[in-house]
Protein backbone atom coordinates (compact mmCIF):
# COMPACT_ATOMS: atom_id res chain seq x y z
CA MET A 1 225.55 89.44 -41.75
CA ALA A 2 223.86 87.51 -44.48
CA ASN A 3 226.36 84.89 -45.04
CA LYS A 4 226.20 84.22 -40.99
CA ASN A 5 222.63 83.74 -41.39
CA PHE A 6 222.52 81.47 -44.33
CA ALA A 7 224.78 79.46 -43.32
CA ARG A 8 222.99 78.74 -40.21
CA LEU A 9 220.14 78.28 -42.16
CA LEU A 10 221.58 75.24 -44.34
CA ALA A 11 223.13 73.81 -40.75
CA MET A 12 219.75 73.73 -39.94
CA LEU A 13 218.28 71.84 -43.07
CA LEU A 14 221.33 69.55 -42.90
CA THR A 15 220.75 68.71 -39.33
CA LEU A 16 217.29 68.21 -39.58
CA ALA A 17 217.74 66.14 -42.65
CA LEU A 18 220.23 64.03 -41.12
CA PHE A 19 218.10 63.56 -37.96
CA GLY A 20 214.77 62.62 -39.82
CA ALA A 21 217.01 59.79 -41.89
CA ALA A 22 218.29 58.65 -38.51
CA CYS A 23 214.65 58.14 -36.86
CA GLY A 24 213.44 56.28 -39.73
CA SER A 25 216.70 53.77 -39.87
CA SER A 26 215.54 50.99 -37.97
CA ASP A 27 213.46 48.52 -38.77
CA GLU A 28 212.59 47.46 -35.27
CA GLU A 29 210.71 50.35 -34.19
CA PRO A 30 207.18 49.83 -33.18
CA GLU A 31 204.96 51.79 -35.66
CA GLU A 32 203.44 53.62 -33.17
CA GLU A 33 206.94 55.04 -31.95
CA VAL A 34 208.12 55.51 -35.65
CA THR A 35 204.77 57.82 -35.87
CA GLU A 36 205.65 59.54 -33.14
CA GLN A 37 209.10 60.29 -33.71
CA THR A 38 207.92 61.78 -37.36
CA ALA A 39 205.80 63.69 -35.85
CA ALA A 40 208.11 65.27 -33.53
CA SER A 41 211.13 65.69 -36.36
CA SER A 42 208.36 67.76 -38.38
CA ALA A 43 207.50 69.92 -35.73
CA THR A 44 211.23 70.45 -34.78
CA GLY A 45 211.68 70.78 -38.49
CA ALA A 46 209.39 73.62 -39.07
CA ALA A 47 210.26 75.44 -35.95
CA THR A 48 213.82 75.58 -36.92
CA LEU A 49 213.53 76.46 -40.50
CA ARG A 50 211.00 79.16 -38.89
CA ALA A 51 213.82 80.74 -37.07
CA GLY A 52 216.18 80.87 -40.07
CA LEU A 53 213.61 82.13 -42.64
CA THR A 54 212.81 84.77 -40.15
CA GLU A 55 216.20 85.88 -39.44
CA LEU A 56 216.72 86.07 -43.13
CA LEU A 57 213.16 87.74 -43.71
CA GLN A 58 213.64 90.12 -41.07
CA GLU A 59 217.57 91.01 -42.27
CA HIS A 60 215.62 91.94 -45.49
CA VAL A 61 213.37 94.51 -43.92
CA TYR A 62 216.38 96.03 -41.86
CA LEU A 63 218.45 96.47 -44.93
CA ALA A 64 215.65 97.71 -47.05
CA ALA A 65 215.08 100.51 -44.52
CA LEU A 66 218.81 101.42 -44.16
CA ALA A 67 218.95 101.95 -48.03
CA THR A 68 215.82 103.81 -47.93
CA GLY A 69 216.90 106.00 -45.27
CA ALA A 70 220.21 106.83 -46.84
CA ALA A 71 218.52 107.53 -50.44
CA LEU A 72 216.07 110.17 -48.55
CA ARG A 73 219.28 111.83 -46.54
CA GLY A 74 220.97 111.88 -50.15
CA ASP A 75 223.36 109.70 -48.71
CA ASN A 76 224.28 108.09 -52.21
CA ALA A 77 227.53 106.00 -50.74
CA GLY A 78 225.07 104.54 -47.89
CA PHE A 79 222.42 103.78 -50.37
CA THR A 80 224.54 102.18 -52.54
CA ALA A 81 226.39 100.00 -49.86
CA HIS A 82 223.16 98.94 -48.27
CA ALA A 83 221.39 98.25 -51.63
CA ALA A 84 224.18 95.86 -52.51
CA ALA A 85 223.95 94.22 -48.89
CA LEU A 86 220.23 93.68 -49.72
CA ASN A 87 220.00 92.79 -53.40
CA GLY A 88 223.39 92.31 -55.12
CA ARG A 89 224.30 89.19 -57.29
CA ALA A 90 226.05 87.65 -54.70
CA ASN A 91 226.87 87.85 -50.98
CA SER A 92 223.55 89.62 -50.54
CA ASN A 93 220.33 88.72 -48.48
CA SER A 94 218.49 87.99 -51.81
CA SER A 95 221.30 85.49 -52.72
CA ASP A 96 221.09 83.73 -49.60
CA LEU A 97 217.27 83.80 -49.81
CA VAL A 98 217.21 82.30 -52.95
CA ASP A 99 219.87 80.04 -52.17
CA ALA A 100 217.94 78.71 -49.07
CA VAL A 101 214.77 77.87 -51.23
CA ARG A 102 216.95 76.09 -53.73
CA SER A 103 218.47 73.78 -50.84
CA ALA A 104 214.71 72.97 -50.38
CA TYR A 105 212.85 73.21 -53.65
CA GLY A 106 215.60 72.45 -56.00
CA ASP A 107 217.68 74.34 -58.62
CA GLU A 108 214.73 74.78 -61.22
CA VAL A 109 212.78 76.57 -58.38
CA GLY A 110 215.47 78.31 -56.52
CA THR A 111 216.16 79.83 -60.12
CA ALA A 112 212.67 80.97 -60.67
CA PHE A 113 212.31 81.94 -57.27
CA ASP A 114 215.61 84.48 -57.96
CA GLY A 115 213.83 85.50 -61.00
CA LEU A 116 210.78 86.29 -58.87
CA TRP A 117 212.14 88.25 -55.98
CA ARG A 118 214.11 90.29 -57.99
CA SER A 119 211.85 91.24 -60.34
CA GLU A 120 210.60 94.74 -60.97
CA GLY A 121 207.67 94.87 -58.68
CA HIS A 122 209.82 93.94 -55.52
CA ILE A 123 212.66 95.73 -54.59
CA PRO A 124 212.99 98.23 -57.66
CA ALA A 125 209.38 99.26 -56.73
CA VAL A 126 210.08 100.43 -53.42
CA VAL A 127 213.41 102.29 -54.89
CA ALA A 128 211.29 103.64 -57.47
CA TYR A 129 208.75 104.61 -54.22
CA THR A 130 211.41 106.05 -51.96
CA GLN A 131 212.39 108.54 -55.09
CA ALA A 132 208.83 109.63 -55.83
CA VAL A 133 208.31 110.29 -51.85
CA ALA A 134 211.66 112.25 -52.05
CA LYS A 135 210.66 114.05 -54.96
CA GLY A 136 207.11 115.08 -54.01
CA ASP A 137 205.97 112.84 -57.07
CA LYS A 138 202.60 111.84 -55.85
CA THR A 139 201.98 110.04 -59.30
CA GLY A 140 204.69 108.19 -59.27
CA ALA A 141 204.13 107.00 -55.66
CA ASP A 142 200.89 105.89 -56.35
CA LYS A 143 202.60 103.86 -59.15
CA ALA A 144 204.94 102.26 -57.15
CA VAL A 145 202.55 101.22 -54.84
CA ALA A 146 200.44 99.80 -57.64
CA ASP A 147 203.27 97.83 -59.20
CA LEU A 148 204.41 96.41 -55.46
CA LEU A 149 200.49 95.15 -54.93
CA ALA A 150 200.50 93.69 -58.44
CA TYR A 151 203.77 91.81 -57.28
CA ALA A 152 202.08 90.44 -54.18
CA GLU A 153 199.15 88.83 -56.22
CA THR A 154 202.05 87.44 -58.56
CA PHE A 155 203.91 86.34 -55.63
CA GLY A 156 201.32 84.47 -54.01
CA THR A 157 200.20 82.63 -57.24
CA THR A 158 203.52 81.36 -57.77
CA MET A 159 204.28 80.18 -54.58
CA ASN A 160 201.40 78.51 -54.42
CA SER A 161 202.03 76.62 -57.67
CA VAL A 162 205.23 75.49 -56.32
CA ASN A 163 203.53 74.30 -52.97
CA GLU A 164 200.17 73.86 -52.67
CA ASN A 165 200.16 74.14 -49.26
CA LEU A 166 200.95 77.78 -49.36
CA PRO A 167 197.53 79.23 -49.93
CA GLU A 168 197.68 81.81 -52.41
CA ALA A 169 195.50 84.32 -50.56
CA ALA A 170 197.84 84.17 -47.29
CA VAL A 171 200.84 84.55 -49.32
CA THR A 172 199.52 87.62 -51.45
CA ASP A 173 198.26 88.83 -48.09
CA GLY A 174 201.58 88.54 -46.36
CA VAL A 175 203.67 90.43 -48.84
CA LYS A 176 201.10 93.02 -49.04
CA MET A 177 201.38 93.33 -45.19
CA HIS A 178 205.44 93.37 -46.00
CA ILE A 179 204.64 96.20 -48.63
CA THR A 180 202.34 98.46 -46.59
CA THR A 181 204.56 98.32 -43.06
CA LEU A 182 207.90 99.06 -45.02
CA LYS A 183 205.80 102.08 -46.76
CA ASP A 184 205.16 103.08 -43.54
CA VAL A 185 208.96 102.95 -42.44
CA ILE A 186 209.57 104.99 -45.50
CA ASP A 187 206.87 107.44 -45.11
CA ALA A 188 207.83 107.91 -41.43
CA GLN A 189 211.62 108.28 -42.88
CA LYS A 190 210.30 111.27 -44.90
CA ALA A 191 208.45 112.97 -42.60
CA GLY A 192 211.61 113.18 -40.52
CA ASP A 193 210.15 111.35 -37.42
CA PRO A 194 212.60 108.85 -36.07
CA ALA A 195 210.38 107.49 -33.39
CA LYS A 196 207.47 106.93 -35.62
CA ALA A 197 210.03 105.36 -37.86
CA ALA A 198 211.46 102.79 -35.44
CA SER A 199 207.84 101.89 -34.51
CA ALA A 200 206.78 100.86 -38.19
CA LEU A 201 210.39 99.20 -38.80
CA ARG A 202 209.65 96.94 -35.37
CA GLU A 203 206.11 96.57 -36.74
CA ALA A 204 207.37 95.62 -40.42
CA ALA A 205 210.24 93.09 -38.75
CA HIS A 206 207.51 91.37 -36.36
CA HIS A 207 205.16 90.40 -39.26
CA MET A 208 208.34 88.66 -41.29
CA GLY A 209 208.09 86.36 -38.77
CA GLU A 210 204.53 85.37 -39.08
CA PHE A 211 205.59 85.19 -42.59
CA ALA A 212 208.74 82.88 -42.09
CA ALA A 213 205.77 80.66 -40.24
CA THR A 214 203.49 80.25 -43.09
CA LEU A 215 206.66 79.68 -45.45
CA ALA A 216 208.25 77.06 -43.06
CA GLU A 217 205.38 74.98 -42.17
CA ALA A 218 204.22 74.51 -45.86
CA THR A 219 207.81 73.62 -46.89
CA VAL A 220 207.98 71.16 -44.18
CA LYS A 221 204.54 69.49 -45.36
CA LYS A 222 205.89 69.10 -48.88
CA PHE A 223 209.29 67.77 -47.81
CA PRO A 224 208.66 65.93 -44.84
CA ALA A 225 211.51 63.36 -45.34
CA LYS A 226 214.13 66.82 -45.47
CA PHE A 227 212.76 67.68 -41.74
């Protein structure tokens, strides 16, 4: 699923880049018409990029929930499989997200994003929270939440540093919302409440669409020629 999602996202990026180049290829078009075409292209680019990012970020949530659910059931094989699909070095949701960022922002930012996305305060902290909840370890659970919230601050600061159109507070709040909604899923899984877990998962996935919109609009604004 991750490979297909990333292939679609790359295709969107390429198509939009070509479309943008085509719109600016004629020297004879009136300036007003060119401006209108540029605005339309940017709007289309933001919407299309948002759709691709939403798909990848929602997949991130679903795979995380599958992994935590398996861990809480004691299904080690299931946890290992879902964790690999979520955060493996290759052919995973994380690798696809990193490659998507690299395609828009370049190799240097892509590499930095890889380190940020895979840092101990993100997915490993979710695993730590799940393990602590499974053991009834409140101290460990509280530390994992604190690590995740600190990661949200770092993520917001870092993303603003590579794209000034991404407000640090908005990005930080977006990651915090991701953390709290996913935490609700894990807590419901631990409580053995499938209805509550499903509702919480739906909310966590829905939020990712909003977060994708913030990221997409800022990316198109920074790189209008690509979209």
